[in-house]
């Protein structure tokens, strides 16, 4: 389990975030699921129980409609099976990638583009949700930083 959000990101990736700020002050303690790695309430409950590391990229002032949230949690193999089953049940496309399981889904609402990427490997769960901001190879970059290049 990484000790902090900085362990997730290669310094070369940081410019892609532009004016977004990592864990802006307003985002701490939001607790409403708006800044979570998933929109699914059942998965939010599983993540909350796992006491995740929360890494949110958002406007320093909030309310911009652009951002990305990644939660990282340590989970048991049994919980991983539950997560995969739930992701498949809500329509995620799941497949093997980078020596783990990746599940993705995306869509649009009222002109906003959104998506989720979940990655399970070695008892870690990465759950990422984005709105109007989806950096290329984001999950792959995080995986490379946590497990090394594949």
Protein backbone atom coordinates (compact mmCIF):
# COMPACT_ATOMS: atom_id res chain seq x y z
CA UNK A 1 0.00 0.00 0.00
CA UNK A 2 1.52 3.36 -0.98
CA UNK A 3 2.22 5.79 1.85
CA UNK A 4 1.00 8.85 -0.03
CA UNK A 5 -0.37 10.11 -3.31
CA UNK A 6 3.06 11.13 -4.60
CA UNK A 7 3.96 7.42 -4.88
CA UNK A 8 1.32 7.03 -7.60
CA UNK A 9 2.71 9.53 -10.09
CA UNK A 10 5.83 9.68 -12.21
CA UNK A 11 7.17 13.27 -12.14
CA UNK A 12 7.03 13.30 -15.96
CA UNK A 13 3.25 12.85 -15.76
CA UNK A 14 2.58 15.82 -13.48
CA UNK A 15 2.41 18.49 -16.23
CA UNK A 16 -0.65 16.75 -17.72
CA UNK A 17 -2.67 17.87 -14.69
CA UNK A 18 -2.20 21.52 -15.68
CA UNK A 19 -3.93 23.83 -13.20
CA UNK A 20 -5.58 20.99 -11.28
CA UNK A 21 -4.34 20.60 -7.71
CA UNK A 22 -3.70 17.35 -5.85
CA UNK A 23 -6.04 17.08 -2.85
CA UNK A 24 -7.19 20.71 -2.68
CA UNK A 25 -8.19 21.86 0.78
CA UNK A 26 -11.92 22.01 -0.04
CA UNK A 27 -11.92 18.34 -1.04
CA UNK A 28 -10.87 17.02 2.36
CA UNK A 29 -13.74 15.55 4.29
CA UNK A 30 -16.27 16.02 1.49
CA UNK A 31 -17.67 12.59 2.39
CA UNK A 32 -20.51 12.79 -0.12
CA UNK A 33 -19.09 10.34 -2.65
CA UNK A 34 -18.63 13.13 -5.18
CA UNK A 35 -14.86 12.77 -4.88
CA UNK A 36 -14.60 9.00 -4.96
CA UNK A 37 -13.03 6.50 -7.32
CA UNK A 38 -16.49 5.20 -8.23
CA UNK A 39 -20.07 6.40 -8.49
CA UNK A 40 -21.47 3.03 -7.42
CA UNK A 41 -22.70 3.23 -3.83
CA UNK A 42 -22.08 -0.46 -3.14
CA UNK A 43 -18.46 -0.14 -4.27
CA UNK A 44 -18.12 3.13 -2.33
CA UNK A 45 -19.09 1.19 0.80
CA UNK A 46 -16.48 -1.49 0.11
CA UNK A 47 -13.85 1.19 -0.50
CA UNK A 48 -14.76 3.16 2.64
CA UNK A 49 -14.46 0.01 4.75
CA UNK A 50 -10.95 -0.52 3.36
CA UNK A 51 -9.82 2.95 4.53
CA UNK A 52 -8.31 4.04 1.21
CA UNK A 53 -5.63 6.47 0.24
CA UNK A 54 -7.57 9.22 -1.56
CA UNK A 55 -5.91 11.19 -4.35
CA UNK A 56 -8.09 13.87 -5.94
CA UNK A 57 -7.07 16.16 -8.80
CA UNK A 58 -9.42 19.14 -8.95
CA UNK A 59 -9.59 22.91 -9.19
CA UNK A 60 -8.11 24.66 -6.18
CA UNK A 61 -11.40 26.51 -5.76
CA UNK A 62 -13.74 23.57 -6.42
CA UNK A 63 -16.79 23.38 -8.61
CA UNK A 64 -15.07 23.39 -12.01
CA UNK A 65 -16.72 20.26 -13.42
CA UNK A 66 -13.28 18.87 -14.27
CA UNK A 67 -11.31 16.41 -12.19
CA UNK A 68 -10.09 12.95 -11.42
CA UNK A 69 -10.23 10.91 -8.20
CA UNK A 70 -8.24 7.78 -7.45
CA UNK A 71 -8.72 5.71 -4.33
CA UNK A 72 -6.20 2.99 -3.44
CA UNK A 73 -7.03 0.30 -0.91
CA UNK A 74 -5.68 -2.98 0.32
CA UNK A 75 -8.31 -5.71 -0.09
CA UNK A 76 -8.43 -9.45 0.51
CA UNK A 77 -8.72 -11.92 -2.38
CA UNK A 78 -12.34 -12.53 -1.35
CA UNK A 79 -13.15 -8.83 -1.49
CA UNK A 80 -11.43 -8.61 -4.89
CA UNK A 81 -13.85 -11.26 -6.18
CA UNK A 82 -16.78 -9.25 -4.79
CA UNK A 83 -15.47 -6.07 -6.45
CA UNK A 84 -15.10 -7.79 -9.82
CA UNK A 85 -18.59 -9.28 -9.60
CA UNK A 86 -20.10 -5.89 -8.78
CA UNK A 87 -18.22 -4.14 -11.58
CA UNK A 88 -19.44 -6.71 -14.09
CA UNK A 89 -22.99 -6.36 -12.71
CA UNK A 90 -22.99 -2.60 -13.33
CA UNK A 91 -21.76 -3.06 -16.89
CA UNK A 92 -18.01 -2.55 -16.66
CA UNK A 93 -15.84 -4.13 -19.33
CA UNK A 94 -13.29 -6.30 -17.45
CA UNK A 95 -10.15 -7.86 -18.91
CA UNK A 96 -6.65 -8.96 -17.94
CA UNK A 97 -4.00 -6.23 -18.20
CA UNK A 98 -0.61 -5.49 -16.63
CA UNK A 99 -0.67 -8.75 -14.62
CA UNK A 100 -3.97 -7.74 -13.01
CA UNK A 101 -7.64 -7.21 -13.78
CA UNK A 102 -8.83 -3.95 -15.30
CA UNK A 103 -12.49 -2.91 -15.49
CA UNK A 104 -13.58 0.22 -17.32
CA UNK A 105 -16.78 2.08 -18.12
CA UNK A 106 -17.56 5.50 -19.53
CA UNK A 107 -20.37 7.67 -20.75
CA UNK A 108 -21.70 11.19 -21.00
CA UNK A 109 -24.39 13.18 -19.21
CA UNK A 110 -25.51 16.68 -20.16
CA UNK A 111 -22.34 17.24 -22.17
CA UNK A 112 -20.01 15.98 -19.44
CA UNK A 113 -17.74 13.04 -20.26
CA UNK A 114 -17.17 10.66 -17.36
CA UNK A 115 -15.58 7.30 -16.77
CA UNK A 116 -14.20 4.85 -14.26
CA UNK A 117 -11.14 2.62 -14.35
CA UNK A 118 -10.64 -0.07 -11.73
CA UNK A 119 -7.50 -2.17 -11.38
CA UNK A 120 -7.07 -5.17 -9.08
CA UNK A 121 -3.71 -6.84 -8.46
CA UNK A 122 -1.84 -8.34 -5.50
CA UNK A 123 -4.48 -7.33 -2.93
CA UNK A 124 -4.57 -3.69 -4.10
CA UNK A 125 -7.57 -1.99 -5.65
CA UNK A 126 -7.16 1.21 -7.66
CA UNK A 127 -10.48 2.92 -8.33
CA UNK A 128 -10.40 6.00 -10.56
CA UNK A 129 -13.31 8.20 -11.61
CA UNK A 130 -12.90 11.12 -14.00
CA UNK A 131 -15.11 13.92 -15.26
CA UNK A 132 -14.13 15.89 -18.38
CA UNK A 133 -10.46 14.96 -17.80
CA UNK A 134 -8.98 11.61 -18.80
CA UNK A 135 -5.20 11.70 -19.17
CA UNK A 136 -3.88 9.13 -21.64
CA UNK A 137 -2.31 6.09 -19.95
CA UNK A 138 -3.20 7.33 -16.46
CA UNK A 139 -3.89 3.88 -14.97
CA UNK A 140 -0.89 2.37 -16.74
CA UNK A 141 1.33 5.09 -15.27
CA UNK A 142 0.02 4.51 -11.74
CA UNK A 143 0.48 0.73 -12.12
CA UNK A 144 4.07 1.23 -13.34
CA UNK A 145 4.83 3.42 -10.32
CA UNK A 146 3.35 0.98 -7.82
CA UNK A 147 4.59 -2.30 -9.30
CA UNK A 148 7.39 -1.28 -11.66
CA UNK A 149 7.40 -1.42 -15.45
CA UNK A 150 5.89 -4.50 -17.04
